[in-house]
Amino acid sequence: MAQQESLVEYGSRRVIITITVILCALLEVVDTTIINVALNDMKGNLGATLNEIGWVITAYAIGNVIIVPMTSWLSMQFGRRNYFVASIILFTFCSFMCGNANTLWEIVLFRFLQGVGGGALLVTSQTIITEVFPVEKRGMAQAIYGLGVIVGPTLGPPLGGYIIENYSWPYIFYINVPLGIIAAVLAMEFVRSPKYGEKKSASEVDWLGIVLLATTVGSLQYVLERGQEDDWFNDKIILGLSITFAISIYLFIWRELTFKNPIVELRVLKNKFLAIGTFFSFILGFGLYGSTFIIPLYTQNSLGWTAFQAGLLMIPATLATAVMMPIIGQLIQRGYKQQYIAAIGMFLFFVYSLWGYYLLTPHTGKDDFFWMLMLRGVALGMLFIPITTLSLSGLKGKEIGQGASFTGMMRQLGGSFGVALITTFMSRQNALHRNDLITNIVPENAAFQQKYQALIGNFTHHGMPLAQAKLAAIRAMDGTITSQSAIMSYMDVFLYIGLMFLACVPLLLIIKTSKAKVDLSHASH
């Protein structure tokens, strides 16, 4: 324990390290969502199609998810500080190269490498910030780290929207460069590494495991990111990569369970708390990234808002999360059960989703969203720390670092799966609602006839010939149906996400937690 305690910092050193690692975590998480609002500008500038420009998002996500499970092992091989600083430098350099890119595939390559650097920042930051705080304050350390992870996806759209409106898309990447340089210098100067055991020789390294891991998560991430746009299994690449994923995950599990020095220690999942925690981390990622995706989409497509306006809408909810995180950290330090706090958070997220289901109309205003989104912020603030501490509560030593990698990866995969599933679900529900609404456009329908005749009267009153007015009336009603079916699809998304979170409440309440407190100081050992 003395060796771990030697990593605890006090005074200005702790403040500087905390600011450095939170900055790094924020850089990584913000970059997952900031790019969304710039895709149209990038598409025109690079001469790419909509499907091609989607690779800018996909490449980053694939690089991110591949590296997260390997982070604990890489920290042991190269030393945590060296690995952390190298990751910051890689992320910063690739950010600059993305802004300088002249072709689509050039930016895709550097986005992939940026994702590799970024994934390491996220998990390693959690470990470092935990170790610089003394044991009695580690709940607060998790609250500070969790604040960056939860707030980051929300900050991306408004920041990206502001940059696009006032500058140009390369500055979305350039903004990372000075911050990354500062973070790298501070990390090199102030972050210390724990002492690990002997490094593995080249012959002991699980090279096959690395290849199988990259193939497994890379193919899965591609299928999730591109499936809807490429018509799922009707596309040969999607079908081929789905088969590749099925084969490679089987071989990867077999390899990691039989190899002496596995790249990912799957045996740690035998711990029931970690297994439960990875499941709830997936649900948390689904709700966090899914709701961050759906609300700006609704406000821009159905209400006609700009990306900046849509992003600003999320800021009050972010502040609510910021207020809740340290409060929850204190409650857990005082002995309140994680599963009960998380169950309340899940229920509040259900209430938020149900609220959204009833709130959405073609005329919903900015003020209508305020309290609903504030509730979302409170709910998310009550989920991150309890789920993280519950996941790691039955682990010891270096198992905690391995467990943290699992929960981080599952949160990211939950987000990717959530966005992919929501996109597919909305497309199908939209077609279903449209077909249902069109059945009402018949001469026998009195409401249709009344609206139809009123539109014709309005058009002819403004000087339009009768035949042209009839066509214009039909087009206007078709536009109304399209708008209504889209809003009904958004409503369905809110409802089903809410029901998913509600179903988690009894699962959390029946968990019997370990009496031993988790010491997160071992989180990367």
Protein backbone atom coordinates (compact mmCIF):
# COMPACT_ATOMS: atom_id res chain seq x y z
CA MET A 1 0.00 0.00 0.00
CA ALA A 2 2.94 2.31 0.69
CA GLN A 3 3.93 2.27 -2.96
CA GLN A 4 0.46 3.27 -4.06
CA GLU A 5 0.22 5.98 -1.41
CA SER A 6 3.50 7.44 -2.69
CA LEU A 7 1.60 8.54 -5.79
CA VAL A 8 -0.75 10.75 -3.74
CA GLU A 9 -0.13 14.45 -4.39
CA TYR A 10 -1.00 17.50 -2.33
CA GLY A 11 -1.43 21.22 -2.87
CA SER A 12 -0.64 22.78 -6.24
CA ARG A 13 0.79 19.55 -7.73
CA ARG A 14 -2.53 17.76 -7.25
CA VAL A 15 -4.42 20.72 -8.74
CA ILE A 16 -2.15 20.84 -11.81
CA ILE A 17 -2.35 17.08 -12.40
CA THR A 18 -6.13 17.11 -11.97
CA ILE A 19 -6.55 19.95 -14.46
CA THR A 20 -4.19 18.21 -16.92
CA VAL A 21 -5.95 14.84 -16.93
CA ILE A 22 -9.45 16.36 -17.02
CA LEU A 23 -8.35 18.49 -19.97
CA CYS A 24 -7.13 15.34 -21.73
CA ALA A 25 -10.35 13.44 -21.00
CA LEU A 26 -12.41 16.39 -22.25
CA LEU A 27 -10.36 16.68 -25.45
CA GLU A 28 -11.04 13.03 -26.21
CA VAL A 29 -14.75 12.97 -25.39
CA VAL A 30 -15.56 16.33 -27.03
CA ASP A 31 -13.94 15.09 -30.24
CA THR A 32 -16.47 12.26 -30.48
CA THR A 33 -19.36 14.73 -30.99
CA ILE A 34 -17.85 18.06 -32.12
CA ILE A 35 -17.28 16.73 -35.63
CA ASN A 36 -20.98 15.98 -36.25
CA VAL A 37 -21.94 19.60 -36.95
CA ALA A 38 -19.04 20.08 -39.40
CA LEU A 39 -19.80 17.18 -41.76
CA ASN A 40 -21.73 19.24 -44.32
CA ASP A 41 -18.93 21.83 -44.61
CA MET A 42 -16.28 19.12 -44.82
CA LYS A 43 -18.28 17.23 -47.45
CA GLY A 44 -18.37 20.23 -49.78
CA ASN A 45 -14.75 21.21 -49.16
CA LEU A 46 -13.35 17.71 -49.70
CA GLY A 47 -15.68 16.80 -52.57
CA ALA A 48 -17.02 13.75 -50.72
CA THR A 49 -20.44 12.11 -50.68
CA LEU A 50 -22.52 11.87 -47.50
CA ASN A 51 -21.61 8.18 -47.10
CA GLU A 52 -17.91 8.87 -47.62
CA ILE A 53 -17.74 11.73 -45.12
CA GLY A 54 -19.27 9.41 -42.50
CA TRP A 55 -15.89 7.67 -42.42
CA VAL A 56 -14.51 10.70 -40.54
CA ILE A 57 -16.65 9.63 -37.57
CA THR A 58 -16.28 5.88 -38.10
CA ALA A 59 -12.47 5.93 -38.28
CA TYR A 60 -12.14 7.79 -34.96
CA ALA A 61 -14.56 5.43 -33.22
CA ILE A 62 -12.75 2.32 -34.50
CA GLY A 63 -9.34 3.58 -33.34
CA ASN A 64 -10.83 4.58 -30.00
CA VAL A 65 -12.50 1.27 -29.23
CA ILE A 66 -9.53 -0.86 -30.34
CA ILE A 67 -7.06 0.80 -27.97
CA VAL A 68 -9.19 1.04 -24.79
CA PRO A 69 -8.94 -2.67 -23.75
CA MET A 70 -5.16 -2.60 -24.36
CA THR A 71 -4.48 0.51 -22.27
CA SER A 72 -3.73 -1.23 -18.96
CA TRP A 73 -1.24 -3.59 -20.65
CA LEU A 74 0.45 -0.81 -22.62
CA SER A 75 0.86 1.26 -19.43
CA MET A 76 2.69 -1.66 -17.83
CA GLN A 77 4.92 -2.17 -20.87
CA PHE A 78 6.05 1.41 -21.38
CA GLY A 79 5.32 3.11 -18.05
CA ARG A 80 2.11 5.02 -17.47
CA ARG A 81 3.56 8.53 -17.76
CA ASN A 82 5.44 7.70 -20.98
CA TYR A 83 2.38 6.07 -22.50
CA PHE A 84 0.11 8.93 -21.40
CA VAL A 85 2.40 11.62 -22.81
CA ALA A 86 2.89 9.68 -26.07
CA SER A 87 -0.89 9.41 -26.41
CA ILE A 88 -1.32 13.18 -25.91
CA ILE A 89 1.35 13.88 -28.53
CA LEU A 90 -0.23 11.43 -31.01
CA PHE A 91 -3.69 12.94 -30.46
CA THR A 92 -2.37 16.51 -30.84
CA PHE A 93 -0.25 15.80 -33.93
CA CYS A 94 -3.12 13.99 -35.66
CA SER A 95 -5.48 16.86 -34.79
CA PHE A 96 -3.15 19.23 -36.63
CA MET A 97 -2.88 16.84 -39.59
CA CYS A 98 -6.69 16.47 -39.77
CA GLY A 99 -7.03 20.25 -40.04
CA ASN A 100 -4.36 20.27 -42.77
CA ALA A 101 -5.85 17.37 -44.75
CA ASN A 102 -6.56 17.94 -48.45
CA THR A 103 -8.29 14.67 -49.28
CA LEU A 104 -10.98 12.56 -47.60
CA TRP A 105 -8.83 9.47 -47.06
CA GLU A 106 -6.00 11.55 -45.64
CA ILE A 107 -8.31 12.89 -42.92
CA VAL A 108 -9.77 9.39 -42.35
CA LEU A 109 -6.27 8.01 -41.68
CA PHE A 110 -5.41 10.75 -39.19
CA ARG A 111 -8.83 10.49 -37.52
CA PHE A 112 -8.16 6.78 -36.94
CA LEU A 113 -4.76 7.55 -35.37
CA GLN A 114 -6.33 10.41 -33.39
CA GLY A 115 -8.84 7.88 -32.03
CA VAL A 116 -5.98 5.55 -31.01
CA GLY A 117 -4.38 8.38 -29.02
CA GLY A 118 -7.71 9.55 -27.62
CA GLY A 119 -8.84 6.17 -26.29
CA ALA A 120 -5.72 5.95 -24.16
CA LEU A 121 -6.32 9.43 -22.73
CA LEU A 122 -9.74 8.48 -21.42
CA VAL A 123 -8.82 5.39 -19.39
CA THR A 124 -5.38 6.56 -18.24
CA SER A 125 -6.80 9.90 -17.04
CA GLN A 126 -9.19 8.00 -14.76
CA THR A 127 -6.34 6.06 -13.22
CA ILE A 128 -4.06 9.06 -12.70
CA ILE A 129 -6.69 11.28 -11.11
CA THR A 130 -7.65 8.44 -8.76
CA GLU A 131 -4.10 7.87 -7.57
CA VAL A 132 -3.25 11.50 -6.79
CA PHE A 133 -6.09 11.70 -4.26
CA PRO A 134 -5.86 9.98 -0.85
CA VAL A 135 -8.12 6.97 -0.28
CA GLU A 136 -10.80 8.87 1.65
CA LYS A 137 -11.24 11.35 -1.23
CA ARG A 138 -11.32 8.93 -4.16
CA GLY A 139 -15.09 9.11 -4.52
CA MET A 140 -14.59 12.82 -5.20
CA ALA A 141 -11.80 11.99 -7.67
CA GLN A 142 -14.22 9.77 -9.61
CA ALA A 143 -16.78 12.59 -9.53
CA ILE A 144 -14.28 15.04 -11.07
CA TYR A 145 -13.28 12.55 -13.76
CA GLY A 146 -16.88 11.53 -14.44
CA LEU A 147 -17.81 15.17 -14.91
CA GLY A 148 -15.48 15.36 -17.91
CA VAL A 149 -16.81 12.12 -19.42
CA ILE A 150 -20.48 13.06 -19.02
CA VAL A 151 -20.14 16.75 -19.92
CA GLY A 152 -17.85 16.24 -22.92
CA PRO A 153 -20.38 14.80 -25.41
CA THR A 154 -22.76 17.68 -24.60
CA LEU A 155 -20.14 20.38 -25.13
CA GLY A 156 -19.19 19.08 -28.57
CA PRO A 157 -22.19 20.27 -30.66
CA PRO A 158 -22.37 23.89 -29.38
CA LEU A 159 -18.60 24.33 -29.56
CA GLY A 160 -18.52 22.84 -33.06
CA GLY A 161 -21.49 24.95 -34.12
CA TYR A 162 -19.80 28.15 -32.87
CA ILE A 163 -16.55 27.35 -34.70
CA ILE A 164 -18.37 26.53 -37.96
CA GLU A 165 -20.46 29.71 -37.83
CA ASN A 166 -17.49 31.98 -37.07
CA TYR A 167 -14.46 30.25 -38.59
CA SER A 168 -14.12 27.08 -40.71
CA TRP A 169 -14.06 23.33 -40.11
CA PRO A 170 -10.23 22.88 -39.78
CA TYR A 171 -10.38 24.95 -36.57
CA ILE A 172 -12.41 22.16 -34.96
CA PHE A 173 -9.12 20.23 -35.05
CA TYR A 174 -6.71 23.13 -34.58
CA ILE A 175 -8.31 24.03 -31.25
CA ASN A 176 -6.83 20.79 -29.84
CA VAL A 177 -3.23 21.73 -30.72
CA PRO A 178 -2.35 24.39 -28.10
CA LEU A 179 -4.33 22.54 -25.42
CA GLY A 180 -2.59 19.27 -26.30
CA ILE A 181 0.88 20.86 -26.16
CA ILE A 182 0.17 22.35 -22.73
CA ALA A 183 -1.21 19.01 -21.47
CA ALA A 184 1.83 17.09 -22.77
CA VAL A 185 4.31 19.46 -21.06
CA LEU A 186 2.40 19.39 -17.76
CA ALA A 187 2.02 15.58 -17.84
CA MET A 188 5.74 15.11 -18.52
CA GLU A 189 6.62 17.42 -15.63
CA PHE A 190 4.11 16.41 -12.95
CA VAL A 191 2.65 12.92 -13.60
CA ARG A 192 4.49 10.02 -11.97
CA SER A 193 4.36 6.34 -12.85
CA PRO A 194 3.96 3.47 -10.39
CA LYS A 195 6.55 0.71 -10.48
CA TYR A 196 5.41 -2.31 -12.43
CA GLY A 197 6.86 -5.78 -12.59
CA GLU A 198 9.20 -6.90 -15.35
CA LYS A 199 8.18 -6.03 -18.88
CA LYS A 200 7.18 -8.88 -21.16
CA SER A 201 9.72 -9.93 -23.79
CA ALA A 202 8.66 -9.85 -27.44
CA SER A 203 8.07 -13.63 -27.42
CA GLU A 204 5.71 -13.30 -24.42
CA VAL A 205 3.58 -10.57 -25.99
CA ASP A 206 0.14 -11.71 -27.13
CA TRP A 207 0.55 -10.56 -30.73
CA LEU A 208 -2.25 -12.82 -32.00
CA GLY A 209 -4.53 -11.45 -29.29
CA ILE A 210 -3.78 -7.90 -30.44
CA VAL A 211 -4.65 -8.77 -34.04
CA LEU A 212 -7.84 -10.59 -33.03
CA LEU A 213 -8.87 -7.73 -30.72
CA ALA A 214 -8.39 -5.15 -33.48
CA THR A 215 -10.31 -7.33 -35.94
CA THR A 216 -13.15 -7.98 -33.49
CA VAL A 217 -13.87 -4.47 -32.26
CA GLY A 218 -12.91 -2.84 -35.56
CA SER A 219 -15.37 -4.93 -37.60
CA LEU A 220 -18.12 -4.53 -34.96
CA GLN A 221 -17.63 -0.76 -34.81
CA TYR A 222 -17.75 -0.51 -38.61
CA VAL A 223 -21.00 -2.52 -38.78
CA LEU A 224 -22.60 -0.37 -36.06
CA GLU A 225 -21.46 2.93 -37.57
CA ARG A 226 -22.20 2.16 -41.23
CA GLY A 227 -24.96 -0.46 -41.12
CA GLN A 228 -27.96 1.83 -41.49
CA GLU A 229 -26.48 3.93 -44.29
CA ASP A 230 -25.29 0.86 -46.20
CA ASP A 231 -28.56 -1.12 -45.85
CA TRP A 232 -27.19 -3.60 -43.30
CA PHE A 233 -26.84 -7.20 -44.50
CA ASN A 234 -27.85 -6.38 -48.06
CA ASP A 235 -24.40 -4.77 -48.34
CA LYS A 236 -21.59 -7.25 -49.00
CA ILE A 237 -19.07 -5.37 -46.84
CA ILE A 238 -21.46 -5.24 -43.85
CA LEU A 239 -22.28 -8.95 -44.26
CA GLY A 240 -18.61 -9.89 -44.61
CA LEU A 241 -17.55 -7.88 -41.56
CA SER A 242 -20.43 -9.31 -39.51
CA ILE A 243 -19.14 -12.81 -40.28
CA THR A 244 -15.59 -11.64 -39.55
CA PHE A 245 -16.75 -10.29 -36.18
CA ALA A 246 -18.47 -13.57 -35.24
CA ILE A 247 -15.40 -15.64 -36.09
CA SER A 248 -12.82 -13.28 -34.60
CA ILE A 249 -14.65 -12.79 -31.27
CA TYR A 250 -14.81 -16.58 -30.83
CA LEU A 251 -11.09 -16.92 -31.56
CA PHE A 252 -10.25 -13.90 -29.40
CA ILE A 253 -12.11 -15.31 -26.35
CA TRP A 254 -10.43 -18.71 -26.84
CA ARG A 255 -7.00 -17.10 -27.18
CA GLU A 256 -7.32 -14.85 -24.13
CA LEU A 257 -8.58 -17.68 -21.91
CA THR A 258 -5.74 -20.04 -22.89
CA PHE A 259 -2.68 -17.79 -23.39
CA LYS A 260 -0.33 -17.26 -20.44
CA ASN A 261 0.00 -13.47 -20.84
CA PRO A 262 -3.24 -12.30 -22.54
CA ILE A 263 -3.52 -8.76 -23.89
CA VAL A 264 -6.97 -8.55 -22.23
CA GLU A 265 -7.55 -10.52 -19.03
CA LEU A 266 -11.04 -11.90 -19.65
CA ARG A 267 -10.92 -14.04 -16.51
CA VAL A 268 -11.56 -10.91 -14.48
CA LEU A 269 -15.12 -10.95 -15.84
CA LYS A 270 -15.79 -13.92 -13.56
CA ASN A 271 -16.29 -11.28 -10.89
CA LYS A 272 -20.04 -10.75 -10.77
CA PHE A 273 -19.81 -7.04 -9.91
CA LEU A 274 -17.65 -6.31 -12.94
CA ALA A 275 -19.93 -8.38 -15.18
CA ILE A 276 -22.96 -6.47 -13.87
CA GLY A 277 -21.11 -3.16 -14.12
CA THR A 278 -20.08 -3.67 -17.75
CA PHE A 279 -23.73 -4.30 -18.62
CA PHE A 280 -24.88 -1.10 -16.92
CA SER A 281 -21.95 0.82 -18.47
CA PHE A 282 -23.30 -0.26 -21.86
CA ILE A 283 -26.78 1.00 -20.91
CA LEU A 284 -25.29 4.28 -19.64
CA GLY A 285 -23.40 4.79 -22.92
CA PHE A 286 -26.57 4.00 -24.87
CA GLY A 287 -28.56 6.65 -22.99
CA LEU A 288 -25.78 9.26 -22.83
CA TYR A 289 -24.77 9.22 -26.49
CA GLY A 290 -28.24 8.29 -27.77
CA SER A 291 -29.93 11.27 -26.12
CA THR A 292 -27.06 13.58 -27.09
CA PHE A 293 -27.62 12.42 -30.68
CA ILE A 294 -31.44 12.53 -30.81
CA ILE A 295 -32.18 15.96 -29.30
CA PRO A 296 -29.98 18.05 -31.64
CA LEU A 297 -31.29 15.96 -34.53
CA TYR A 298 -34.91 16.75 -33.61
CA THR A 299 -34.35 20.46 -32.98
CA GLN A 300 -32.44 20.93 -36.26
CA ASN A 301 -34.55 18.75 -38.56
CA SER A 302 -38.04 19.31 -37.16
CA LEU A 303 -37.76 22.78 -35.58
CA GLY A 304 -35.24 24.30 -38.01
CA TRP A 305 -32.64 25.32 -35.41
CA THR A 306 -28.96 25.85 -36.21
CA ALA A 307 -26.33 23.46 -34.82
CA PHE A 308 -25.16 26.16 -32.41
CA GLN A 309 -28.71 26.76 -31.11
CA ALA A 310 -29.26 23.03 -30.69
CA GLY A 311 -25.99 22.66 -28.81
CA LEU A 312 -26.70 25.58 -26.47
CA LEU A 313 -29.95 23.89 -25.46
CA MET A 314 -27.92 21.17 -23.71
CA ILE A 315 -25.76 23.50 -21.59
CA PRO A 316 -28.14 23.86 -18.56
CA ALA A 317 -28.42 20.07 -18.31
CA THR A 318 -24.62 19.88 -18.37
CA LEU A 319 -24.47 22.28 -15.44
CA ALA A 320 -26.98 20.11 -13.56
CA THR A 321 -24.67 17.14 -14.07
CA ALA A 322 -21.73 19.25 -12.89
CA VAL A 323 -23.55 20.04 -9.65
CA MET A 324 -24.65 16.43 -9.06
CA MET A 325 -21.31 14.66 -9.59
CA PRO A 326 -19.49 15.90 -6.44
CA ILE A 327 -22.67 15.43 -4.39
CA ILE A 328 -22.89 11.78 -5.46
CA GLY A 329 -19.17 11.35 -4.78
CA GLN A 330 -19.72 12.58 -1.21
CA LEU A 331 -22.75 10.31 -0.70
CA ILE A 332 -20.79 7.22 -1.75
CA GLN A 333 -17.90 8.23 0.54
CA ARG A 334 -20.42 8.38 3.41
CA GLY A 335 -21.52 4.81 2.74
CA TYR A 336 -24.69 5.17 0.66
CA LYS A 337 -25.24 2.10 -1.53
CA GLN A 338 -24.15 2.59 -5.15
CA GLN A 339 -26.92 0.40 -6.53
CA TYR A 340 -29.65 2.45 -4.83
CA ILE A 341 -28.27 5.74 -6.14
CA ALA A 342 -27.93 4.23 -9.64
CA ALA A 343 -31.49 2.84 -9.46
CA ILE A 344 -32.83 6.34 -8.68
CA GLY A 345 -30.76 7.69 -11.59
CA MET A 346 -32.20 5.05 -13.94
CA PHE A 347 -35.75 5.88 -12.83
CA LEU A 348 -35.18 9.63 -13.30
CA PHE A 349 -33.81 8.96 -16.80
CA PHE A 350 -37.02 7.02 -17.50
CA VAL A 351 -39.08 10.02 -16.31
CA TYR A 352 -37.00 12.32 -18.54
CA SER A 353 -37.59 10.03 -21.53
CA LEU A 354 -41.33 9.81 -20.85
CA TRP A 355 -41.41 13.60 -20.53
CA GLY A 356 -39.76 13.86 -23.95
CA TYR A 357 -42.30 11.43 -25.39
CA TYR A 358 -45.19 13.72 -24.41
CA LEU A 359 -43.35 17.00 -25.06
CA LEU A 360 -42.41 16.71 -28.73
CA THR A 361 -44.58 18.60 -31.24
CA PRO A 362 -43.84 20.61 -34.42
CA HIS A 363 -44.05 23.76 -32.27
CA THR A 364 -42.11 22.80 -29.12
CA GLY A 365 -40.16 25.85 -27.93
CA LYS A 366 -36.79 26.31 -26.25
CA ASP A 367 -38.33 26.97 -22.84
CA ASP A 368 -40.32 23.72 -23.01
CA PHE A 369 -37.07 21.71 -22.95
CA PHE A 370 -35.46 23.37 -19.94
CA TRP A 371 -36.75 21.32 -16.99
CA MET A 372 -36.85 18.11 -18.99
CA LEU A 373 -33.15 18.43 -19.84
CA MET A 374 -32.31 19.50 -16.30
CA LEU A 375 -33.80 16.21 -15.14
CA ARG A 376 -31.59 14.41 -17.69
CA GLY A 377 -28.55 16.15 -16.23
CA VAL A 378 -29.46 15.11 -12.68
CA ALA A 379 -30.09 11.50 -13.79
CA LEU A 380 -26.75 11.18 -15.58
CA GLY A 381 -25.01 12.69 -12.56
CA MET A 382 -26.46 9.88 -10.44
CA LEU A 383 -25.34 7.09 -12.78
CA PHE A 384 -21.65 7.41 -13.68
CA ILE A 385 -19.92 7.18 -10.29
CA PRO A 386 -22.20 4.50 -8.74
CA ILE A 387 -21.88 2.27 -11.82
CA THR A 388 -18.08 2.73 -11.93
CA THR A 389 -17.55 2.01 -8.23
CA LEU A 390 -20.01 -0.92 -8.31
CA SER A 391 -18.11 -2.43 -11.27
CA LEU A 392 -14.77 -2.32 -9.46
CA SER A 393 -16.01 -3.13 -5.94
CA GLY A 394 -15.04 -6.81 -6.05
CA LEU A 395 -11.61 -6.37 -7.71
CA LYS A 396 -8.12 -6.01 -6.27
CA GLY A 397 -4.72 -4.85 -7.51
CA LYS A 398 -4.16 -4.79 -11.26
CA GLU A 399 -7.62 -6.34 -11.82
CA ILE A 400 -9.06 -2.87 -11.19
CA GLY A 401 -7.21 -1.42 -14.18
CA GLN A 402 -8.45 -4.29 -16.32
CA GLY A 403 -11.98 -3.75 -15.04
CA ALA A 404 -11.82 -0.01 -15.77
CA SER A 405 -10.84 -0.81 -19.36
CA PHE A 406 -13.88 -3.09 -19.74
CA THR A 407 -16.32 -0.51 -18.41
CA GLY A 408 -14.81 2.23 -20.58
CA MET A 409 -15.00 0.08 -23.70
CA MET A 410 -18.58 -0.97 -22.98
CA ARG A 411 -19.65 2.65 -22.43
CA GLN A 412 -18.20 3.57 -25.84
CA LEU A 413 -19.75 0.52 -27.52
CA GLY A 414 -23.08 1.31 -25.86
CA GLY A 415 -22.96 4.75 -27.44
CA SER A 416 -22.10 3.39 -30.88
CA PHE A 417 -24.75 0.68 -30.63
CA GLY A 418 -27.29 3.23 -29.39
CA VAL A 419 -26.76 5.67 -32.27
CA ALA A 420 -26.82 2.83 -34.84
CA LEU A 421 -29.97 1.28 -33.37
CA ILE A 422 -31.73 4.64 -33.02
CA THR A 423 -30.94 5.53 -36.64
CA THR A 424 -32.28 2.22 -37.94
CA PHE A 425 -35.32 2.27 -35.65
CA MET A 426 -36.24 5.83 -36.64
CA SER A 427 -35.95 5.05 -40.34
CA ARG A 428 -38.33 2.11 -40.02
CA GLN A 429 -40.75 3.84 -37.65
CA ASN A 430 -40.83 6.87 -39.92
CA ALA A 431 -41.92 4.71 -42.87
CA LEU A 432 -44.47 2.90 -40.69
CA HIS A 433 -46.04 6.11 -39.34
CA ARG A 434 -46.09 7.67 -42.79
CA ASN A 435 -47.98 4.69 -44.23
CA ASP A 436 -50.49 4.87 -41.39
CA LEU A 437 -51.06 8.60 -41.87
CA ILE A 438 -51.40 8.33 -45.65
CA THR A 439 -54.35 5.95 -45.23
CA ASN A 440 -56.31 8.93 -43.87
CA ILE A 441 -55.93 10.88 -47.13
CA VAL A 442 -59.13 9.63 -48.76
CA PRO A 443 -62.18 11.56 -50.05
CA GLU A 444 -64.38 9.93 -47.39
CA ASN A 445 -62.32 11.47 -44.57
CA ALA A 446 -64.13 14.66 -43.47
CA ALA A 447 -61.08 16.07 -41.63
CA PHE A 448 -58.92 15.56 -44.74
CA GLN A 449 -61.50 17.19 -46.99
CA GLN A 450 -61.83 20.18 -44.67
CA LYS A 451 -58.06 20.75 -44.52
CA TYR A 452 -57.66 20.09 -48.27
CA GLN A 453 -60.38 22.55 -49.28
CA ALA A 454 -59.05 25.19 -46.87
CA LEU A 455 -55.60 24.94 -48.46
CA ILE A 456 -57.05 25.18 -51.97
CA GLY A 457 -59.04 28.24 -50.93
CA ASN A 458 -55.94 29.85 -49.47
CA PHE A 459 -53.86 29.23 -52.60
CA THR A 460 -56.54 30.43 -55.00
CA HIS A 461 -57.11 33.50 -52.82
CA HIS A 462 -53.49 34.42 -53.49
CA GLY A 463 -53.98 34.19 -57.24
CA MET A 464 -53.03 30.58 -57.97
CA PRO A 465 -55.02 28.76 -60.70
CA LEU A 466 -57.37 26.04 -59.37
CA ALA A 467 -55.50 23.05 -60.88
CA GLN A 468 -52.17 24.33 -59.56
CA ALA A 469 -53.75 25.09 -56.17
CA LYS A 470 -54.97 21.48 -55.85
CA LEU A 471 -51.44 20.16 -56.52
CA ALA A 472 -49.96 22.65 -54.05
CA ALA A 473 -52.51 21.58 -51.41
CA ILE A 474 -51.55 17.91 -51.85
CA ARG A 475 -47.86 18.77 -51.58
CA ALA A 476 -48.48 20.82 -48.44
CA MET A 477 -50.39 17.96 -46.82
CA ASP A 478 -47.66 15.53 -47.82
CA GLY A 479 -45.11 17.80 -46.11
CA THR A 480 -47.28 17.85 -42.99
CA ILE A 481 -47.45 14.04 -42.99
CA THR A 482 -43.67 13.80 -43.40
CA SER A 483 -43.16 16.16 -40.45
CA GLN A 484 -45.70 14.36 -38.26
CA SER A 485 -44.29 10.91 -39.00
CA ALA A 486 -40.76 12.12 -38.15
CA ILE A 487 -41.93 13.57 -34.83
CA MET A 488 -43.79 10.36 -33.99
CA SER A 489 -40.54 8.46 -34.66
CA TYR A 490 -38.65 10.74 -32.25
CA MET A 491 -41.40 10.11 -29.68
CA ASP A 492 -40.98 6.35 -30.10
CA VAL A 493 -37.22 6.64 -29.49
CA PHE A 494 -37.80 8.51 -26.21
CA LEU A 495 -40.40 5.98 -25.10
CA TYR A 496 -38.32 2.87 -25.75
CA ILE A 497 -35.10 4.30 -24.28
CA GLY A 498 -37.14 5.20 -21.19
CA LEU A 499 -38.55 1.68 -20.90
CA MET A 500 -35.04 0.22 -21.22
CA PHE A 501 -33.84 2.35 -18.28
CA LEU A 502 -36.95 1.52 -16.26
CA ALA A 503 -36.28 -2.21 -16.75
CA CYS A 504 -32.84 -1.71 -15.17
CA VAL A 505 -34.24 -0.38 -11.87
CA PRO A 506 -35.31 -3.75 -10.36
CA LEU A 507 -32.07 -5.34 -11.61
CA LEU A 508 -30.05 -2.79 -9.62
CA LEU A 509 -32.18 -3.15 -6.49
CA ILE A 510 -31.61 -6.91 -6.21
CA ILE A 511 -27.79 -6.63 -6.35
CA LYS A 512 -26.04 -7.51 -3.12
CA THR A 513 -22.85 -5.48 -2.95
CA SER A 514 -19.52 -6.47 -1.50
CA LYS A 515 -18.83 -5.21 2.01
CA ALA A 516 -15.24 -4.46 1.07
CA LYS A 517 -14.56 -0.99 -0.26
CA VAL A 518 -12.79 -0.78 -3.59
CA ASP A 519 -9.40 0.90 -3.51
CA LEU A 520 -9.26 2.58 -6.89
CA SER A 521 -5.60 3.42 -6.40
CA HIS A 522 -4.68 0.16 -8.13
CA ALA A 523 -6.65 1.06 -11.23
CA SER A 524 -3.86 0.51 -13.70
CA HIS A 525 -1.64 -1.99 -11.92
